[in-house]
Amino acid sequence: QVHLAESGGGFVQPGGSLRLSCVVSGAIADNVVWYRRAPGNQREYVAVVTPSGQTMYTDSVKGRFTISRNSAKTTVDLQLTDLTPEDTAIYYCNLHEHWGQGTLVTVSS
């Protein structure tokens, strides 16, 4: 059974950094995607990493966020830097139809 579990969210001031982790179990290696949903908004795509390590990002986070996965393909991290209040959201990881419970990132002064 596939299970995804996010962690690492928290409260940070503008310009700060956080590292989110998604532990993936029970699944073969495939694309893992990070999404986020800001208050009052729809869920949006943030970044994806392929089994070979290729990465892609939505324009608003390019140069600030970095997605990576470990060699065993059991953990997918999302490094968030230079955070702004617009990055405040619940961040979710996704593999096919499977979702984690989300982790909240709040950016505020």
Foldseek 3Di string as FASTA:
>chain_A
DWAKAKDWADEEEAQAKIKMKIFIPDDDFAKKWKWWAAVPGDIGTAKIAGLVGDIDGDPVCPPAWDWGADPVRGMIMIIGGSDDQVPFTWMWMDDVPDIYPTHTHGYHD
